[in-house]
N, C-alpha and C. Protein backbone atom coordinates (compact mmCIF):
# COMPACT_ATOMS: atom_id res chain seq x y z
N MET A 1 9.81 -24.02 19.61
CA MET A 1 10.83 -22.58 20.41
C MET A 1 11.99 -22.60 19.21
N PRO A 2 12.23 -21.84 18.51
CA PRO A 2 13.48 -22.09 17.79
C PRO A 2 14.63 -21.88 18.57
N ALA A 3 15.73 -22.82 18.30
CA ALA A 3 17.15 -22.55 19.14
C ALA A 3 18.08 -23.22 18.45
N HIS A 4 19.56 -22.52 18.95
CA HIS A 4 20.82 -23.29 17.85
C HIS A 4 21.16 -24.39 18.90
N GLY A 5 20.41 -25.14 19.57
CA GLY A 5 20.64 -26.17 19.91
C GLY A 5 20.37 -27.19 21.53
N CYS A 6 20.52 -28.39 21.77
CA CYS A 6 20.48 -28.16 23.18
C CYS A 6 21.47 -29.19 23.95
N TYR A 7 21.43 -29.12 25.22
CA TYR A 7 22.21 -29.92 25.86
C TYR A 7 22.31 -30.92 26.81
N GLU A 8 22.31 -32.70 26.33
CA GLU A 8 22.33 -33.74 26.56
C GLU A 8 23.26 -34.08 27.70
N TRP A 9 23.12 -33.95 28.98
CA TRP A 9 23.87 -34.46 29.95
C TRP A 9 23.90 -35.68 30.08
N VAL A 10 25.08 -36.62 30.40
CA VAL A 10 25.63 -38.03 30.17
C VAL A 10 26.33 -38.14 31.81
N ALA A 11 25.95 -39.30 32.33
CA ALA A 11 26.09 -39.34 33.96
C ALA A 11 27.69 -40.08 33.59
N MET A 12 28.56 -39.85 33.89
CA MET A 12 30.26 -40.46 33.99
C MET A 12 30.50 -41.01 35.42
N PRO A 13 30.75 -42.56 35.12
CA PRO A 13 30.97 -42.83 36.78
C PRO A 13 32.00 -41.97 37.49
N ALA A 14 31.76 -42.83 38.90
CA ALA A 14 33.29 -42.41 39.71
C ALA A 14 34.62 -43.34 39.09
N THR A 15 35.75 -42.66 39.71
CA THR A 15 37.03 -43.57 39.24
C THR A 15 37.41 -43.22 40.69
N GLU A 16 38.71 -44.23 40.39
CA GLU A 16 39.72 -43.72 41.81
C GLU A 16 40.26 -42.45 41.90
N THR A 17 40.11 -41.44 40.99
CA THR A 17 40.45 -39.75 41.06
C THR A 17 39.46 -39.01 41.01
N LYS A 18 38.55 -39.87 40.59
CA LYS A 18 36.88 -38.79 40.12
C LYS A 18 35.83 -39.00 40.83
N ASN A 19 35.31 -37.74 41.58
CA ASN A 19 33.79 -38.30 41.64
C ASN A 19 32.79 -38.23 40.38
N ALA A 20 31.50 -39.23 40.54
CA ALA A 20 30.65 -39.32 39.43
C ALA A 20 30.44 -37.91 39.26
N TYR A 21 29.97 -37.39 38.10
CA TYR A 21 29.49 -36.39 37.63
C TYR A 21 28.93 -36.60 36.33
N LYS A 22 28.41 -35.21 35.46
CA LYS A 22 27.88 -35.04 34.38
C LYS A 22 27.96 -34.43 33.46
N GLN A 23 28.86 -35.36 31.90
CA GLN A 23 29.26 -34.50 31.22
C GLN A 23 28.25 -33.78 30.23
N PRO A 24 27.95 -32.30 30.11
CA PRO A 24 27.49 -32.06 29.10
C PRO A 24 27.84 -31.88 27.57
N TYR A 25 26.90 -32.34 26.71
CA TYR A 25 26.98 -32.29 25.33
C TYR A 25 25.72 -31.64 24.74
N PHE A 26 26.48 -30.48 23.56
CA PHE A 26 25.99 -29.84 22.86
C PHE A 26 25.49 -30.61 21.84
N ILE A 27 24.02 -30.86 21.91
CA ILE A 27 23.50 -31.36 20.66
C ILE A 27 22.92 -29.92 19.72
N SER A 28 23.28 -29.76 18.00
CA SER A 28 22.81 -28.94 17.30
C SER A 28 22.92 -29.75 15.76
N PRO A 29 21.93 -29.04 14.98
CA PRO A 29 21.68 -29.50 13.45
C PRO A 29 23.22 -29.17 12.77
N THR A 30 23.43 -30.29 12.53
CA THR A 30 24.78 -30.41 11.71
C THR A 30 25.28 -29.13 11.02
N ASP A 31 23.87 -28.55 9.83
CA ASP A 31 23.83 -27.95 8.56
C ASP A 31 24.17 -25.93 9.87
N GLY A 32 24.00 -26.29 10.96
CA GLY A 32 24.38 -24.76 11.65
C GLY A 32 22.74 -24.17 11.39
N GLN A 33 21.66 -24.78 10.80
CA GLN A 33 19.95 -23.84 10.87
C GLN A 33 19.42 -24.03 12.23
N THR A 34 18.94 -22.97 12.41
CA THR A 34 18.25 -22.69 13.70
C THR A 34 17.16 -24.65 13.98
N MET A 35 16.98 -24.75 14.87
CA MET A 35 16.45 -26.60 15.01
C MET A 35 15.08 -25.53 15.88
N ALA A 36 14.26 -26.48 15.83
CA ALA A 36 12.82 -26.05 16.73
C ALA A 36 12.61 -27.42 17.46
N MET A 37 12.41 -26.75 18.62
CA MET A 37 11.67 -28.04 19.85
C MET A 37 10.25 -27.49 20.17
N ALA A 38 9.58 -28.30 20.62
CA ALA A 38 8.01 -28.12 21.08
C ALA A 38 7.84 -27.46 22.23
N GLY A 39 7.24 -26.48 22.60
CA GLY A 39 7.14 -25.96 23.79
C GLY A 39 5.78 -25.11 23.90
N LEU A 40 5.68 -24.22 24.86
CA LEU A 40 4.83 -23.41 25.18
C LEU A 40 5.19 -22.27 26.14
N TYR A 41 4.22 -21.27 25.77
CA TYR A 41 5.17 -19.70 25.81
C TYR A 41 3.91 -19.49 26.32
N GLU A 42 3.91 -18.41 27.53
CA GLU A 42 2.78 -17.29 27.53
C GLU A 42 3.66 -16.24 28.33
N PHE A 43 2.84 -14.74 27.84
CA PHE A 43 2.81 -13.67 28.77
C PHE A 43 1.92 -13.42 29.80
N TRP A 44 2.39 -12.47 30.43
CA TRP A 44 1.75 -12.27 32.08
C TRP A 44 2.08 -11.39 32.68
N ARG A 45 0.64 -10.71 33.46
CA ARG A 45 1.11 -9.70 33.90
C ARG A 45 1.94 -9.63 35.60
N ASP A 46 2.87 -8.96 35.55
CA ASP A 46 2.98 -8.70 37.06
C ASP A 46 2.10 -7.98 37.86
N ARG A 47 1.35 -8.34 38.82
CA ARG A 47 0.45 -7.87 38.95
C ARG A 47 1.24 -6.62 40.46
N ILE A 48 2.22 -7.10 40.90
CA ILE A 48 3.32 -5.96 41.79
C ILE A 48 3.61 -4.64 41.04
N VAL A 49 3.77 -4.81 39.91
CA VAL A 49 4.13 -3.39 39.38
C VAL A 49 2.73 -2.85 38.86
N ALA A 50 3.07 -1.35 39.32
CA ALA A 50 2.16 -0.48 39.28
C ALA A 50 1.25 -0.61 37.78
N GLU A 51 -0.01 -0.42 37.77
CA GLU A 51 -1.01 -0.27 36.33
C GLU A 51 -0.36 0.80 35.50
N GLY A 52 -0.06 0.45 34.13
CA GLY A 52 0.34 1.59 32.80
C GLY A 52 1.50 1.07 32.28
N ASP A 53 2.08 1.61 31.03
CA ASP A 53 2.78 1.20 30.33
C ASP A 53 4.39 0.43 30.74
N ASP A 54 4.78 0.36 31.62
CA ASP A 54 6.16 -0.05 32.25
C ASP A 54 6.21 -1.89 32.14
N PRO A 55 7.14 -1.53 30.77
CA PRO A 55 7.95 -3.01 30.22
C PRO A 55 8.20 -4.35 31.01
N ALA A 56 8.37 -3.56 32.52
CA ALA A 56 9.04 -4.91 33.80
C ALA A 56 7.31 -5.51 34.01
N ALA A 57 6.52 -4.48 33.37
CA ALA A 57 5.24 -5.02 34.65
C ALA A 57 4.80 -7.03 33.11
N TRP A 58 5.38 -7.13 32.29
CA TRP A 58 5.59 -8.37 31.40
C TRP A 58 6.58 -8.87 31.72
N VAL A 59 6.09 -10.32 31.88
CA VAL A 59 6.59 -11.53 32.12
C VAL A 59 6.70 -12.60 30.94
N ALA A 60 7.61 -12.99 30.39
CA ALA A 60 7.36 -14.01 29.26
C ALA A 60 7.91 -15.18 29.94
N THR A 61 7.46 -16.17 29.89
CA THR A 61 7.83 -17.51 30.40
C THR A 61 7.54 -18.84 29.46
N CYS A 62 8.19 -19.88 29.29
CA CYS A 62 8.00 -20.98 28.53
C CYS A 62 8.85 -22.20 28.88
N THR A 63 8.03 -23.25 28.30
CA THR A 63 8.90 -24.41 28.72
C THR A 63 8.72 -24.67 27.51
N VAL A 64 9.95 -26.07 27.40
CA VAL A 64 9.97 -27.12 26.38
C VAL A 64 9.02 -28.59 26.78
N ILE A 65 8.82 -28.88 25.88
CA ILE A 65 8.24 -29.85 26.25
C ILE A 65 8.71 -31.32 25.74
N THR A 66 9.39 -32.21 26.41
CA THR A 66 10.14 -33.19 26.23
C THR A 66 9.64 -34.78 25.85
N THR A 67 10.53 -35.40 25.48
CA THR A 67 10.01 -36.87 25.06
C THR A 67 10.64 -37.90 26.48
N GLU A 68 10.09 -39.01 26.18
CA GLU A 68 10.60 -40.17 26.90
C GLU A 68 11.50 -40.67 26.59
N ALA A 69 12.38 -40.71 25.93
CA ALA A 69 13.66 -40.65 25.16
C ALA A 69 14.68 -39.89 25.78
N ALA A 70 15.99 -40.97 26.48
CA ALA A 70 16.73 -40.59 27.27
C ALA A 70 16.22 -39.21 28.30
N GLY A 71 15.42 -39.44 29.04
CA GLY A 71 14.52 -39.01 30.23
C GLY A 71 14.34 -37.73 29.97
N ARG A 72 14.81 -36.41 29.17
CA ARG A 72 14.33 -35.11 28.96
C ARG A 72 14.91 -34.66 28.24
N MET A 73 14.52 -35.25 26.88
CA MET A 73 15.05 -34.83 25.62
C MET A 73 14.39 -33.95 25.09
N PRO A 74 14.32 -32.84 24.34
CA PRO A 74 13.40 -31.92 23.57
C PRO A 74 12.80 -32.53 22.76
N ARG A 75 11.77 -32.15 22.38
CA ARG A 75 10.65 -33.02 21.32
C ARG A 75 10.98 -32.07 20.30
N ALA A 76 12.12 -32.48 19.12
CA ALA A 76 12.53 -31.79 18.09
C ALA A 76 11.29 -31.75 16.93
N CYS A 77 11.15 -31.10 16.28
CA CYS A 77 10.48 -30.28 15.28
C CYS A 77 11.01 -30.37 13.95
N ARG A 78 10.01 -30.30 12.93
CA ARG A 78 10.41 -29.73 11.51
C ARG A 78 10.69 -28.06 11.80
N TRP A 79 11.53 -27.61 11.15
CA TRP A 79 11.26 -25.93 10.92
C TRP A 79 11.31 -25.35 9.47
N SER A 80 10.77 -24.55 9.41
CA SER A 80 10.72 -23.25 8.53
C SER A 80 11.14 -22.36 8.60
N SER A 81 11.40 -21.24 8.07
CA SER A 81 12.04 -19.94 8.14
C SER A 81 10.70 -19.35 8.00
N SER A 82 9.71 -19.55 6.91
CA SER A 82 8.31 -19.15 6.52
C SER A 82 7.35 -19.39 7.81
N ARG A 83 7.70 -19.65 8.79
CA ARG A 83 6.83 -19.83 9.91
C ARG A 83 6.45 -19.10 10.52
N THR A 84 4.94 -18.28 9.95
CA THR A 84 4.62 -17.35 11.24
C THR A 84 3.44 -17.73 12.35
N ALA A 85 3.10 -18.79 12.31
CA ALA A 85 2.36 -19.11 13.57
C ALA A 85 2.74 -19.08 15.03
N GLY A 86 2.41 -18.51 15.57
CA GLY A 86 2.76 -18.23 17.07
C GLY A 86 3.95 -17.23 16.95
N ARG A 87 4.14 -16.49 16.13
CA ARG A 87 5.15 -15.03 16.54
C ARG A 87 4.09 -14.13 17.31
N PRO A 88 4.59 -12.90 18.05
CA PRO A 88 4.32 -12.05 18.42
C PRO A 88 3.86 -11.16 17.06
N GLY A 89 2.18 -10.93 17.33
CA GLY A 89 1.67 -10.12 16.42
C GLY A 89 0.98 -10.80 14.77
N SER A 90 1.48 -12.25 14.86
CA SER A 90 1.04 -13.10 13.84
C SER A 90 -0.63 -13.60 14.08
N THR A 91 -1.50 -13.34 12.90
CA THR A 91 -2.60 -14.03 13.46
C THR A 91 -2.67 -15.64 12.88
N GLY A 92 -1.74 -16.24 13.20
CA GLY A 92 -1.71 -17.61 13.21
C GLY A 92 -1.91 -18.14 14.59
N ALA A 93 -1.32 -17.42 15.46
CA ALA A 93 -0.81 -17.59 17.08
C ALA A 93 -1.70 -18.56 17.51
N THR A 94 -3.13 -18.73 17.40
CA THR A 94 -4.10 -19.68 18.07
C THR A 94 -4.30 -21.01 16.86
N ARG A 95 -3.68 -20.65 16.00
CA ARG A 95 -4.28 -21.95 14.72
C ARG A 95 -2.91 -22.56 14.85
N THR A 96 -3.40 -24.17 14.53
CA THR A 96 -2.56 -25.11 13.87
C THR A 96 -1.38 -24.55 13.22
N PRO A 97 0.17 -25.00 13.58
CA PRO A 97 0.81 -24.47 13.04
C PRO A 97 1.02 -24.83 11.33
N PRO A 98 1.86 -24.58 10.32
CA PRO A 98 1.84 -25.13 9.19
C PRO A 98 2.60 -26.58 9.39
N ARG A 99 1.98 -27.31 8.17
CA ARG A 99 2.89 -28.47 8.38
C ARG A 99 4.20 -28.77 8.54
N SER A 100 5.35 -27.77 8.02
CA SER A 100 5.88 -27.35 8.02
C SER A 100 6.94 -27.22 9.18
N ALA A 101 6.24 -27.01 10.67
CA ALA A 101 6.50 -26.77 11.72
C ALA A 101 5.78 -27.70 12.93
N ARG A 102 4.92 -28.74 12.26
CA ARG A 102 4.55 -29.80 13.15
C ARG A 102 5.35 -30.49 13.49
N CYS A 103 5.11 -31.13 15.03
CA CYS A 103 6.31 -31.89 15.80
C CYS A 103 5.79 -33.50 15.20
């Protein structure tokens, strides 16, 4: 899944003047390029919406695959702008992604 970055939350201990809290840190590629995270997505039809061509009938859902490092850190992958597997309309959606996009 393409992304500009992700957040890592670091637990900060309580002090005499502050309660404990979690400090967010935005993590992104140093070169400003798009990063890729391992994930799954699916489009499904909302059965409550009437049959027809109503775009609201379709819901897109996704999940990011995480690693054990730091609890819930997204699994980063190498990204190639030429990657087509998994893009809507791509014939490679069900095939193994090219080597440049594998995790």
